Amino acid sequence: MTAVKLYLDEDVHTFIAHALRLRGWDVLTTQEAERRGADDLDQVNFATSRGRAILSYNVRDFTRLHYELIGSGRTHAGILAATQDDPRRNLRALFNLLNVVSEEAVRGQLVYLSNWA
């Protein structure tokens, strides 16, 4: 099982990257990649080209983007969607997800973190 590598959209709290790294996960932030301000499709394409699932708090737009990509026969490395309401809950959900789901299982999938809380 290959571990999921993550790319955090610019709206995701940076403490999430730090906490994930402390537990050994491979995480890249939008800021570190110098991609702040890129549009959503560009962010997904960037993440996919590097084999990274993207985590975003922009649930509505990334849900729409997932269905547009899949509907047009394209794919992505995974889209993880969460709300910004409770970053600590999101972190717990990420740990739950990442401990049991592989990179292969996330590829092309839209995953709502609320289902893993």
N, C-alpha and C. Protein backbone atom coordinates (compact mmCIF):
# COMPACT_ATOMS: atom_id res chain seq x y z
N MET A 1 0.85 -1.18 0.00
CA MET A 1 0.00 0.00 0.00
C MET A 1 0.89 1.24 0.00
N THR A 2 0.70 2.10 -0.98
CA THR A 2 1.46 3.34 -1.07
C THR A 2 0.72 4.43 -0.30
N ALA A 3 1.44 5.12 0.55
CA ALA A 3 0.84 6.18 1.37
C ALA A 3 0.40 7.35 0.51
N VAL A 4 -0.69 7.97 0.90
CA VAL A 4 -1.20 9.16 0.23
C VAL A 4 -0.27 10.32 0.52
N LYS A 5 0.13 11.03 -0.53
CA LYS A 5 0.89 12.27 -0.39
C LYS A 5 -0.11 13.41 -0.58
N LEU A 6 0.02 14.45 0.21
CA LEU A 6 -0.95 15.54 0.18
C LEU A 6 -0.39 16.85 -0.33
N TYR A 7 -1.28 17.60 -0.95
CA TYR A 7 -1.02 18.98 -1.35
C TYR A 7 -2.14 19.80 -0.72
N LEU A 8 -1.80 20.78 0.12
CA LEU A 8 -2.80 21.57 0.81
C LEU A 8 -3.10 22.86 0.06
N ASP A 9 -4.36 23.04 -0.26
CA ASP A 9 -4.80 24.27 -0.91
C ASP A 9 -4.52 25.45 0.02
N GLU A 10 -4.47 26.63 -0.53
CA GLU A 10 -4.04 27.78 0.25
C GLU A 10 -4.98 28.16 1.39
N ASP A 11 -6.20 27.66 1.38
CA ASP A 11 -7.14 27.97 2.45
C ASP A 11 -7.02 27.03 3.65
N VAL A 12 -6.16 26.03 3.57
CA VAL A 12 -6.00 25.05 4.65
C VAL A 12 -4.97 25.57 5.66
N HIS A 13 -5.31 25.47 6.93
CA HIS A 13 -4.44 25.93 8.00
C HIS A 13 -3.07 25.25 7.93
N THR A 14 -2.01 26.03 8.06
CA THR A 14 -0.66 25.48 7.96
C THR A 14 -0.32 24.56 9.13
N PHE A 15 -1.01 24.70 10.26
CA PHE A 15 -0.72 23.79 11.37
C PHE A 15 -1.07 22.36 10.98
N ILE A 16 -1.97 22.17 10.03
CA ILE A 16 -2.32 20.82 9.58
C ILE A 16 -1.11 20.18 8.90
N ALA A 17 -0.42 20.94 8.07
CA ALA A 17 0.80 20.41 7.42
C ALA A 17 1.83 20.03 8.49
N HIS A 18 2.02 20.89 9.45
CA HIS A 18 3.00 20.63 10.50
C HIS A 18 2.63 19.36 11.29
N ALA A 19 1.38 19.24 11.67
CA ALA A 19 0.94 18.08 12.45
C ALA A 19 1.06 16.79 11.65
N LEU A 20 0.73 16.84 10.38
CA LEU A 20 0.87 15.65 9.54
C LEU A 20 2.32 15.24 9.38
N ARG A 21 3.18 16.21 9.19
CA ARG A 21 4.61 15.91 9.04
C ARG A 21 5.19 15.28 10.31
N LEU A 22 4.72 15.75 11.45
CA LEU A 22 5.19 15.17 12.71
C LEU A 22 4.86 13.68 12.81
N ARG A 23 3.82 13.27 12.11
CA ARG A 23 3.42 11.86 12.09
C ARG A 23 3.97 11.12 10.88
N GLY A 24 4.82 11.80 10.10
CA GLY A 24 5.51 11.13 9.00
C GLY A 24 4.87 11.22 7.63
N TRP A 25 3.82 12.01 7.49
CA TRP A 25 3.16 12.11 6.19
C TRP A 25 3.88 13.12 5.29
N ASP A 26 3.84 12.86 3.99
CA ASP A 26 4.45 13.72 2.97
C ASP A 26 3.42 14.78 2.58
N VAL A 27 3.71 16.03 2.93
CA VAL A 27 2.77 17.14 2.72
C VAL A 27 3.49 18.30 2.07
N LEU A 28 2.83 18.91 1.09
CA LEU A 28 3.31 20.12 0.44
C LEU A 28 2.20 21.15 0.51
N THR A 29 2.53 22.37 0.90
CA THR A 29 1.53 23.43 0.95
C THR A 29 1.62 24.29 -0.31
N THR A 30 0.53 24.98 -0.57
CA THR A 30 0.48 25.90 -1.71
C THR A 30 1.57 26.97 -1.57
N GLN A 31 1.77 27.44 -0.36
CA GLN A 31 2.77 28.47 -0.11
C GLN A 31 4.16 27.95 -0.43
N GLU A 32 4.47 26.73 0.02
CA GLU A 32 5.79 26.15 -0.23
C GLU A 32 6.03 25.93 -1.72
N ALA A 33 4.98 25.61 -2.44
CA ALA A 33 5.09 25.38 -3.88
C ALA A 33 5.04 26.68 -4.68
N GLU A 34 4.87 27.80 -3.96
CA GLU A 34 4.78 29.13 -4.58
C GLU A 34 3.67 29.18 -5.63
N ARG A 35 2.50 28.67 -5.23
CA ARG A 35 1.36 28.59 -6.15
C ARG A 35 0.13 29.32 -5.60
N ARG A 36 0.36 30.25 -4.67
CA ARG A 36 -0.77 31.03 -4.15
C ARG A 36 -1.42 31.79 -5.28
N GLY A 37 -2.75 31.80 -5.28
CA GLY A 37 -3.49 32.55 -6.27
C GLY A 37 -3.80 31.78 -7.54
N ALA A 38 -3.24 30.58 -7.71
CA ALA A 38 -3.57 29.77 -8.89
C ALA A 38 -5.03 29.33 -8.81
N ASP A 39 -5.67 29.19 -9.95
CA ASP A 39 -7.08 28.79 -9.91
C ASP A 39 -7.21 27.32 -9.54
N ASP A 40 -8.43 26.92 -9.20
CA ASP A 40 -8.67 25.58 -8.66
C ASP A 40 -8.22 24.47 -9.61
N LEU A 41 -8.54 24.58 -10.89
CA LEU A 41 -8.13 23.55 -11.84
C LEU A 41 -6.62 23.45 -11.92
N ASP A 42 -5.94 24.59 -11.93
CA ASP A 42 -4.47 24.57 -11.95
C ASP A 42 -3.92 23.89 -10.70
N GLN A 43 -4.55 24.13 -9.56
CA GLN A 43 -4.08 23.50 -8.32
C GLN A 43 -4.27 21.97 -8.39
N VAL A 44 -5.41 21.53 -8.89
CA VAL A 44 -5.65 20.09 -9.02
C VAL A 44 -4.67 19.47 -10.00
N ASN A 45 -4.44 20.13 -11.12
CA ASN A 45 -3.50 19.61 -12.12
C ASN A 45 -2.08 19.55 -11.57
N PHE A 46 -1.69 20.57 -10.82
CA PHE A 46 -0.37 20.59 -10.19
C PHE A 46 -0.23 19.42 -9.23
N ALA A 47 -1.21 19.26 -8.35
CA ALA A 47 -1.17 18.16 -7.39
C ALA A 47 -1.12 16.81 -8.10
N THR A 48 -1.94 16.64 -9.11
CA THR A 48 -1.99 15.37 -9.85
C THR A 48 -0.67 15.08 -10.53
N SER A 49 -0.06 16.10 -11.11
CA SER A 49 1.21 15.89 -11.81
C SER A 49 2.32 15.45 -10.86
N ARG A 50 2.12 15.68 -9.58
CA ARG A 50 3.11 15.29 -8.57
C ARG A 50 2.64 14.11 -7.71
N GLY A 51 1.53 13.49 -8.15
CA GLY A 51 1.02 12.32 -7.43
C GLY A 51 0.49 12.64 -6.05
N ARG A 52 -0.07 13.84 -5.88
CA ARG A 52 -0.57 14.27 -4.58
C ARG A 52 -2.07 14.51 -4.62
N ALA A 53 -2.76 14.01 -3.62
CA ALA A 53 -4.17 14.35 -3.44
C ALA A 53 -4.22 15.77 -2.88
N ILE A 54 -5.22 16.52 -3.28
CA ILE A 54 -5.34 17.89 -2.80
C ILE A 54 -6.41 17.96 -1.72
N LEU A 55 -6.10 18.71 -0.67
CA LEU A 55 -7.05 18.98 0.40
C LEU A 55 -7.46 20.44 0.30
N SER A 56 -8.77 20.67 0.25
CA SER A 56 -9.28 22.04 0.16
C SER A 56 -10.50 22.22 1.05
N TYR A 57 -10.68 23.44 1.54
CA TYR A 57 -11.88 23.80 2.27
C TYR A 57 -12.95 24.36 1.34
N ASN A 58 -12.65 24.45 0.08
CA ASN A 58 -13.58 24.98 -0.91
C ASN A 58 -14.43 23.82 -1.46
N VAL A 59 -15.31 23.32 -0.62
CA VAL A 59 -16.07 22.11 -0.92
C VAL A 59 -16.88 22.24 -2.19
N ARG A 60 -17.62 23.30 -2.33
CA ARG A 60 -18.52 23.45 -3.49
C ARG A 60 -17.75 23.44 -4.80
N ASP A 61 -16.73 24.26 -4.91
CA ASP A 61 -16.01 24.36 -6.19
C ASP A 61 -15.21 23.10 -6.50
N PHE A 62 -14.61 22.48 -5.49
CA PHE A 62 -13.82 21.28 -5.76
C PHE A 62 -14.71 20.06 -6.03
N THR A 63 -15.90 20.04 -5.45
CA THR A 63 -16.87 18.99 -5.79
C THR A 63 -17.27 19.12 -7.25
N ARG A 64 -17.61 20.32 -7.66
CA ARG A 64 -17.97 20.57 -9.06
C ARG A 64 -16.82 20.21 -9.98
N LEU A 65 -15.62 20.60 -9.62
CA LEU A 65 -14.44 20.32 -10.43
C LEU A 65 -14.21 18.81 -10.57
N HIS A 66 -14.39 18.07 -9.50
CA HIS A 66 -14.25 16.61 -9.56
C HIS A 66 -15.19 16.03 -10.61
N TYR A 67 -16.46 16.41 -10.56
CA TYR A 67 -17.43 15.85 -11.50
C TYR A 67 -17.18 16.31 -12.93
N GLU A 68 -16.70 17.52 -13.11
CA GLU A 68 -16.34 17.98 -14.45
C GLU A 68 -15.17 17.17 -15.01
N LEU A 69 -14.15 16.94 -14.20
CA LEU A 69 -12.99 16.17 -14.66
C LEU A 69 -13.39 14.74 -15.00
N ILE A 70 -14.09 14.08 -14.10
CA ILE A 70 -14.50 12.70 -14.32
C ILE A 70 -15.44 12.61 -15.52
N GLY A 71 -16.35 13.56 -15.63
CA GLY A 71 -17.31 13.57 -16.74
C GLY A 71 -16.66 13.76 -18.10
N SER A 72 -15.50 14.40 -18.12
CA SER A 72 -14.81 14.64 -19.39
C SER A 72 -13.73 13.59 -19.64
N GLY A 73 -13.71 12.54 -18.81
CA GLY A 73 -12.76 11.46 -19.02
C GLY A 73 -11.38 11.70 -18.45
N ARG A 74 -11.22 12.76 -17.69
CA ARG A 74 -9.93 13.03 -17.04
C ARG A 74 -10.00 12.56 -15.60
N THR A 75 -8.87 12.59 -14.94
CA THR A 75 -8.84 12.16 -13.56
C THR A 75 -7.94 13.07 -12.74
N HIS A 76 -7.75 12.73 -11.51
CA HIS A 76 -6.89 13.49 -10.59
C HIS A 76 -6.36 12.52 -9.55
N ALA A 77 -5.44 12.99 -8.73
CA ALA A 77 -4.82 12.13 -7.72
C ALA A 77 -5.65 12.03 -6.44
N GLY A 78 -6.80 12.64 -6.43
CA GLY A 78 -7.69 12.62 -5.27
C GLY A 78 -8.00 14.03 -4.80
N ILE A 79 -9.24 14.24 -4.45
CA ILE A 79 -9.68 15.52 -3.90
C ILE A 79 -10.29 15.23 -2.54
N LEU A 80 -9.71 15.83 -1.50
CA LEU A 80 -10.23 15.72 -0.15
C LEU A 80 -10.87 17.06 0.18
N ALA A 81 -12.14 17.02 0.53
CA ALA A 81 -12.89 18.25 0.78
C ALA A 81 -13.36 18.30 2.22
N ALA A 82 -13.20 19.47 2.84
CA ALA A 82 -13.61 19.66 4.23
C ALA A 82 -14.08 21.09 4.41
N THR A 83 -14.80 21.30 5.49
CA THR A 83 -15.18 22.68 5.83
C THR A 83 -14.12 23.24 6.77
N GLN A 84 -14.12 24.53 6.89
CA GLN A 84 -13.13 25.22 7.71
C GLN A 84 -13.55 25.31 9.18
N ASP A 85 -14.73 24.81 9.50
CA ASP A 85 -15.31 25.00 10.82
C ASP A 85 -14.42 24.54 11.98
N ASP A 86 -13.82 23.37 11.84
CA ASP A 86 -13.07 22.80 12.96
C ASP A 86 -11.79 22.13 12.44
N PRO A 87 -10.70 22.88 12.33
CA PRO A 87 -9.45 22.32 11.81
C PRO A 87 -8.95 21.11 12.60
N ARG A 88 -9.15 21.10 13.90
CA ARG A 88 -8.70 19.95 14.69
C ARG A 88 -9.50 18.69 14.34
N ARG A 89 -10.77 18.85 14.10
CA ARG A 89 -11.60 17.72 13.66
C ARG A 89 -11.12 17.24 12.29
N ASN A 90 -10.79 18.17 11.42
CA ASN A 90 -10.26 17.80 10.11
C ASN A 90 -8.97 17.01 10.25
N LEU A 91 -8.14 17.43 11.16
CA LEU A 91 -6.87 16.73 11.37
C LEU A 91 -7.12 15.30 11.86
N ARG A 92 -8.02 15.13 12.80
CA ARG A 92 -8.37 13.78 13.27
C ARG A 92 -8.91 12.94 12.12
N ALA A 93 -9.76 13.53 11.30
CA ALA A 93 -10.33 12.82 10.15
C ALA A 93 -9.24 12.44 9.16
N LEU A 94 -8.28 13.33 8.95
CA LEU A 94 -7.16 13.03 8.06
C LEU A 94 -6.35 11.85 8.58
N PHE A 95 -6.07 11.84 9.87
CA PHE A 95 -5.34 10.70 10.45
C PHE A 95 -6.12 9.41 10.25
N ASN A 96 -7.42 9.45 10.48
CA ASN A 96 -8.25 8.25 10.28
C ASN A 96 -8.18 7.77 8.84
N LEU A 97 -8.29 8.69 7.91
CA LEU A 97 -8.26 8.37 6.48
C LEU A 97 -6.89 7.86 6.05
N LEU A 98 -5.87 8.61 6.36
CA LEU A 98 -4.53 8.28 5.88
C LEU A 98 -3.98 6.98 6.44
N ASN A 99 -4.46 6.60 7.60
CA ASN A 99 -3.99 5.35 8.20
C ASN A 99 -4.57 4.10 7.55
N VAL A 100 -5.63 4.25 6.77
CA VAL A 100 -6.26 3.05 6.18
C VAL A 100 -6.43 3.09 4.67
N VAL A 101 -6.26 4.25 4.06
CA VAL A 101 -6.51 4.39 2.62
C VAL A 101 -5.19 4.62 1.89
N SER A 102 -5.03 3.95 0.76
CA SER A 102 -3.81 4.06 -0.03
C SER A 102 -3.94 5.16 -1.09
N GLU A 103 -2.79 5.50 -1.63
CA GLU A 103 -2.75 6.45 -2.75
C GLU A 103 -3.62 5.95 -3.90
N GLU A 104 -3.54 4.67 -4.16
CA GLU A 104 -4.31 4.07 -5.27
C GLU A 104 -5.82 4.16 -5.02
N ALA A 105 -6.22 3.99 -3.78
CA ALA A 105 -7.65 4.03 -3.45
C ALA A 105 -8.22 5.45 -3.53
N VAL A 106 -7.39 6.46 -3.31
CA VAL A 106 -7.85 7.85 -3.34
C VAL A 106 -7.86 8.40 -4.77
N ARG A 107 -7.01 7.86 -5.62
CA ARG A 107 -6.87 8.38 -6.99
C ARG A 107 -8.23 8.44 -7.68
N GLY A 108 -8.57 9.62 -8.20
CA GLY A 108 -9.81 9.82 -8.93
C GLY A 108 -11.05 9.95 -8.06
N GLN A 109 -10.87 9.95 -6.75
CA GLN A 109 -12.00 9.98 -5.83
C GLN A 109 -12.19 11.36 -5.19
N LEU A 110 -13.43 11.65 -4.89
CA LEU A 110 -13.79 12.81 -4.10
C LEU A 110 -14.11 12.30 -2.70
N VAL A 111 -13.35 12.75 -1.71
CA VAL A 111 -13.49 12.26 -0.35
C VAL A 111 -13.88 13.42 0.55
N TYR A 112 -14.99 13.27 1.27
CA TYR A 112 -15.41 14.27 2.24
C TYR A 112 -14.85 13.87 3.60
N LEU A 113 -14.02 14.73 4.17
CA LEU A 113 -13.41 14.41 5.46
C LEU A 113 -14.43 14.19 6.56
N SER A 114 -15.57 14.80 6.44
CA SER A 114 -16.61 14.63 7.47
C SER A 114 -17.01 13.16 7.60
N ASN A 115 -16.83 12.37 6.56
CA ASN A 115 -17.14 10.94 6.62
C ASN A 115 -16.08 10.15 7.38
N TRP A 116 -14.97 10.78 7.72
CA TRP A 116 -13.86 10.11 8.40
C TRP A 116 -13.63 10.64 9.81
N ALA A 117 -14.49 11.51 10.26
CA ALA A 117 -14.33 12.13 11.58
C ALA A 117 -14.62 11.16 12.71
